[in-house]
N, C-alpha and C. Protein backbone atom coordinates (compact mmCIF):
# COMPACT_ATOMS: atom_id res chain seq x y z
N MET A 1 -167.88 -25.37 164.21
CA MET A 1 -167.99 -24.28 165.13
C MET A 1 -166.57 -23.89 165.59
N SER A 2 -166.26 -22.61 165.51
CA SER A 2 -164.93 -22.13 165.91
C SER A 2 -164.93 -21.81 167.39
N SER A 3 -163.87 -22.05 168.05
CA SER A 3 -163.78 -21.74 169.45
C SER A 3 -163.22 -20.29 169.64
N ARG A 4 -163.78 -19.59 170.57
CA ARG A 4 -163.31 -18.25 170.85
C ARG A 4 -162.76 -18.28 172.28
N PRO A 5 -161.69 -17.50 172.51
CA PRO A 5 -161.18 -17.47 173.88
C PRO A 5 -162.16 -16.83 174.82
N VAL A 6 -162.17 -17.31 176.04
CA VAL A 6 -162.98 -16.74 177.11
C VAL A 6 -162.17 -15.71 177.84
N GLU A 7 -162.73 -14.51 177.99
CA GLU A 7 -162.04 -13.48 178.79
C GLU A 7 -162.71 -13.38 180.14
N LEU A 8 -161.92 -13.39 181.16
CA LEU A 8 -162.45 -13.33 182.52
C LEU A 8 -162.43 -11.88 183.01
N THR A 9 -163.47 -11.50 183.68
CA THR A 9 -163.62 -10.21 184.30
C THR A 9 -163.77 -10.39 185.79
N HIS A 10 -163.12 -9.54 186.59
CA HIS A 10 -163.18 -9.65 188.02
C HIS A 10 -163.78 -8.35 188.56
N LEU A 11 -164.76 -8.41 189.43
CA LEU A 11 -165.34 -7.25 190.08
C LEU A 11 -165.08 -7.37 191.55
N SER A 12 -164.55 -6.31 192.14
CA SER A 12 -164.31 -6.32 193.57
C SER A 12 -164.34 -4.93 194.17
N THR A 13 -164.63 -4.88 195.42
CA THR A 13 -164.49 -3.63 196.18
C THR A 13 -163.03 -3.54 196.53
N THR A 14 -162.49 -2.35 196.43
CA THR A 14 -161.03 -2.15 196.61
C THR A 14 -160.81 -0.88 197.40
N LEU A 15 -160.14 -1.02 198.58
CA LEU A 15 -159.77 0.12 199.40
C LEU A 15 -158.24 0.26 199.37
N VAL A 16 -157.77 1.36 198.88
CA VAL A 16 -156.32 1.54 198.65
C VAL A 16 -155.80 2.73 199.52
N GLY A 17 -154.75 2.45 200.26
CA GLY A 17 -154.10 3.47 201.04
C GLY A 17 -152.65 3.60 200.57
N LYS A 18 -152.06 4.74 200.80
CA LYS A 18 -150.69 5.01 200.40
C LYS A 18 -149.68 4.09 201.14
N ASP A 19 -149.99 3.82 202.40
CA ASP A 19 -149.14 2.96 203.23
C ASP A 19 -149.99 2.27 204.24
N HIS A 20 -149.42 1.37 205.07
CA HIS A 20 -150.16 0.62 206.02
C HIS A 20 -150.93 1.45 207.03
N ARG A 21 -150.32 2.54 207.46
CA ARG A 21 -150.98 3.43 208.39
C ARG A 21 -152.25 4.04 207.77
N ALA A 22 -152.14 4.47 206.48
CA ALA A 22 -153.30 5.04 205.82
C ALA A 22 -154.39 4.03 205.66
N VAL A 23 -153.98 2.77 205.33
CA VAL A 23 -155.02 1.68 205.20
C VAL A 23 -155.75 1.50 206.53
N GLU A 24 -154.99 1.44 207.63
CA GLU A 24 -155.59 1.25 208.95
C GLU A 24 -156.53 2.39 209.26
N GLN A 25 -156.17 3.58 208.95
CA GLN A 25 -157.06 4.76 209.22
C GLN A 25 -158.31 4.68 208.37
N LEU A 26 -158.19 4.31 207.09
CA LEU A 26 -159.34 4.15 206.22
C LEU A 26 -160.31 3.09 206.74
N VAL A 27 -159.74 1.96 207.15
CA VAL A 27 -160.58 0.89 207.68
C VAL A 27 -161.32 1.36 208.93
N GLN A 28 -160.61 1.97 209.85
CA GLN A 28 -161.23 2.46 211.07
C GLN A 28 -162.35 3.49 210.81
N GLY A 29 -162.07 4.35 209.85
CA GLY A 29 -163.05 5.42 209.55
C GLY A 29 -164.22 4.96 208.68
N LEU A 30 -164.09 3.93 207.93
CA LEU A 30 -165.17 3.52 206.99
C LEU A 30 -165.96 2.33 207.44
N ARG A 31 -165.43 1.54 208.32
CA ARG A 31 -166.12 0.29 208.69
C ARG A 31 -167.40 0.63 209.49
N PRO A 32 -168.43 -0.17 209.28
CA PRO A 32 -169.63 0.04 210.08
C PRO A 32 -169.28 -0.11 211.59
N ARG A 33 -169.99 0.57 212.40
CA ARG A 33 -169.69 0.67 213.83
C ARG A 33 -169.47 -0.70 214.49
N ASN A 34 -170.30 -1.65 214.16
CA ASN A 34 -170.25 -2.97 214.83
C ASN A 34 -169.37 -3.95 214.09
N ALA A 35 -168.74 -3.58 212.99
CA ALA A 35 -167.97 -4.50 212.20
C ALA A 35 -166.56 -4.64 212.74
N ASN A 36 -166.08 -5.86 212.75
CA ASN A 36 -164.70 -6.13 213.16
C ASN A 36 -163.77 -5.53 212.07
N PRO A 37 -162.76 -4.78 212.49
CA PRO A 37 -161.85 -4.15 211.52
C PRO A 37 -161.20 -5.06 210.51
N ALA A 38 -160.76 -6.30 210.98
CA ALA A 38 -160.13 -7.23 210.11
C ALA A 38 -161.11 -7.81 209.10
N THR A 39 -162.34 -8.07 209.54
CA THR A 39 -163.39 -8.57 208.68
C THR A 39 -163.73 -7.58 207.60
N TYR A 40 -163.89 -6.30 208.04
CA TYR A 40 -164.18 -5.24 207.08
C TYR A 40 -163.04 -5.07 206.06
N ALA A 41 -161.81 -5.06 206.55
CA ALA A 41 -160.64 -4.91 205.66
C ALA A 41 -160.61 -6.02 204.62
N ALA A 42 -160.92 -7.26 205.00
CA ALA A 42 -160.92 -8.35 204.07
C ALA A 42 -162.08 -8.20 203.06
N ALA A 43 -163.22 -7.73 203.53
CA ALA A 43 -164.39 -7.58 202.66
C ALA A 43 -164.16 -6.53 201.58
N VAL A 44 -163.38 -5.52 201.89
CA VAL A 44 -163.13 -4.44 200.89
C VAL A 44 -161.74 -4.54 200.26
N ASN A 45 -161.11 -5.68 200.49
CA ASN A 45 -159.75 -5.88 199.89
C ASN A 45 -158.82 -4.74 200.22
N ALA A 46 -158.79 -4.32 201.47
CA ALA A 46 -157.99 -3.17 201.88
C ALA A 46 -156.53 -3.52 201.74
N GLY A 47 -155.76 -2.55 201.23
CA GLY A 47 -154.29 -2.76 201.09
C GLY A 47 -153.64 -1.52 200.57
N THR A 48 -152.31 -1.54 200.66
CA THR A 48 -151.51 -0.41 200.13
C THR A 48 -151.46 -0.50 198.64
N VAL A 49 -150.94 0.55 198.02
CA VAL A 49 -150.73 0.57 196.57
C VAL A 49 -149.97 -0.70 196.15
N ASP A 50 -148.89 -1.00 196.82
CA ASP A 50 -148.09 -2.19 196.44
C ASP A 50 -148.87 -3.48 196.63
N ASP A 51 -149.69 -3.59 197.71
CA ASP A 51 -150.53 -4.75 197.95
C ASP A 51 -151.49 -4.93 196.74
N GLN A 52 -152.10 -3.84 196.33
CA GLN A 52 -153.07 -3.93 195.28
C GLN A 52 -152.46 -4.29 193.92
N ILE A 53 -151.28 -3.72 193.67
CA ILE A 53 -150.62 -4.06 192.41
C ILE A 53 -150.32 -5.55 192.39
N ARG A 54 -149.83 -6.06 193.51
CA ARG A 54 -149.56 -7.46 193.65
C ARG A 54 -150.85 -8.31 193.44
N ARG A 55 -151.91 -7.87 194.06
CA ARG A 55 -153.20 -8.61 193.96
C ARG A 55 -153.68 -8.68 192.54
N PHE A 56 -153.60 -7.52 191.83
CA PHE A 56 -154.13 -7.49 190.46
C PHE A 56 -153.17 -8.23 189.48
N ARG A 57 -151.91 -8.23 189.78
CA ARG A 57 -150.97 -9.08 189.00
C ARG A 57 -151.32 -10.54 189.12
N GLU A 58 -151.60 -10.98 190.37
CA GLU A 58 -151.98 -12.35 190.61
C GLU A 58 -153.25 -12.71 189.85
N LEU A 59 -154.23 -11.83 189.83
CA LEU A 59 -155.44 -12.05 189.08
C LEU A 59 -155.13 -12.16 187.60
N SER A 60 -154.26 -11.31 187.09
CA SER A 60 -153.87 -11.35 185.66
C SER A 60 -153.23 -12.73 185.35
N GLU A 61 -152.32 -13.13 186.21
CA GLU A 61 -151.66 -14.40 185.99
C GLU A 61 -152.62 -15.59 186.06
N ALA A 62 -153.76 -15.43 186.74
CA ALA A 62 -154.76 -16.39 186.85
C ALA A 62 -155.75 -16.38 185.66
N GLY A 63 -155.54 -15.43 184.75
CA GLY A 63 -156.34 -15.38 183.55
C GLY A 63 -157.36 -14.23 183.48
N VAL A 64 -157.40 -13.36 184.44
CA VAL A 64 -158.34 -12.24 184.46
C VAL A 64 -157.81 -11.20 183.43
N ALA A 65 -158.67 -10.81 182.46
CA ALA A 65 -158.31 -9.88 181.47
C ALA A 65 -158.78 -8.48 181.79
N GLU A 66 -159.76 -8.34 182.64
CA GLU A 66 -160.36 -7.06 182.95
C GLU A 66 -160.77 -7.02 184.44
N VAL A 67 -160.51 -5.89 185.08
CA VAL A 67 -160.93 -5.75 186.49
C VAL A 67 -161.81 -4.49 186.59
N MET A 68 -162.91 -4.64 187.28
CA MET A 68 -163.77 -3.49 187.61
C MET A 68 -163.76 -3.40 189.13
N ILE A 69 -163.63 -2.16 189.63
CA ILE A 69 -163.57 -2.03 191.08
C ILE A 69 -164.63 -1.06 191.56
N SER A 70 -165.07 -1.28 192.74
CA SER A 70 -166.00 -0.42 193.46
C SER A 70 -165.13 0.19 194.61
N LEU A 71 -165.21 1.50 194.72
CA LEU A 71 -164.41 2.17 195.73
C LEU A 71 -165.25 2.65 196.87
N PRO A 72 -165.00 2.16 198.10
CA PRO A 72 -165.76 2.60 199.27
C PRO A 72 -165.45 4.01 199.70
N ASP A 73 -164.36 4.58 199.16
CA ASP A 73 -163.96 5.94 199.51
C ASP A 73 -163.33 6.61 198.31
N LEU A 74 -163.99 7.65 197.79
CA LEU A 74 -163.46 8.34 196.62
C LEU A 74 -162.28 9.18 196.90
N GLU A 75 -161.96 9.45 198.20
CA GLU A 75 -160.81 10.18 198.55
C GLU A 75 -159.50 9.44 198.21
N THR A 76 -159.62 8.16 197.92
CA THR A 76 -158.45 7.34 197.60
C THR A 76 -158.11 7.29 196.15
N LEU A 77 -158.72 8.13 195.32
CA LEU A 77 -158.54 8.07 193.86
C LEU A 77 -157.04 8.22 193.46
N ASP A 78 -156.29 9.06 194.16
CA ASP A 78 -154.89 9.20 193.84
C ASP A 78 -154.14 7.91 194.03
N SER A 79 -154.43 7.19 195.06
CA SER A 79 -153.79 5.90 195.29
C SER A 79 -154.24 4.87 194.23
N VAL A 80 -155.53 4.88 193.92
CA VAL A 80 -156.00 3.97 192.91
C VAL A 80 -155.34 4.29 191.53
N ALA A 81 -155.11 5.57 191.24
CA ALA A 81 -154.42 5.93 190.04
C ALA A 81 -153.05 5.36 189.99
N GLU A 82 -152.37 5.30 191.11
CA GLU A 82 -151.01 4.69 191.15
C GLU A 82 -151.08 3.18 190.77
N VAL A 83 -152.11 2.50 191.28
CA VAL A 83 -152.29 1.11 190.97
C VAL A 83 -152.55 0.95 189.46
N ILE A 84 -153.45 1.73 188.91
CA ILE A 84 -153.75 1.65 187.49
C ILE A 84 -152.55 1.93 186.65
N SER A 85 -151.75 2.92 187.05
CA SER A 85 -150.54 3.27 186.27
C SER A 85 -149.59 2.12 186.18
N ALA A 86 -149.57 1.21 187.11
CA ALA A 86 -148.64 0.12 187.12
C ALA A 86 -149.00 -0.87 185.97
N PHE A 87 -150.19 -0.77 185.41
CA PHE A 87 -150.65 -1.70 184.40
C PHE A 87 -150.75 -1.08 183.01
N ARG A 88 -150.41 0.16 182.88
CA ARG A 88 -150.48 0.80 181.58
C ARG A 88 -149.38 0.24 180.67
N MET A 89 -149.73 0.11 179.43
CA MET A 89 -148.76 -0.43 178.49
C MET A 89 -148.11 0.66 177.69
C-alpha cells in the first residue's frame, strides 16, 4: 500500500477590517445585541488585513493546505481580497 500525503483544510468564519477602527465598528455593528464584543470578535476571528494574513500564514506553517472562510459581512470583500492577494503565487 502506498502512502499519500494528507492535506489539511481549515474552515472558519472571518471578519476582516482595513484597520483596527474598522474592525471595532464591524464587531459593534454585527454582534448580536446581548453578545459581549470581545467574545463575538473571537468567534468570528475578527482582525485587520495584516492580522488575517498573519493568521493564515500560521495555519499554512502548521500544515493547512486550503482555507475556506465564511464571511459574516459581504461588505468586507475588498479587505478579504487583500488577504487573498497576499497568498497568490
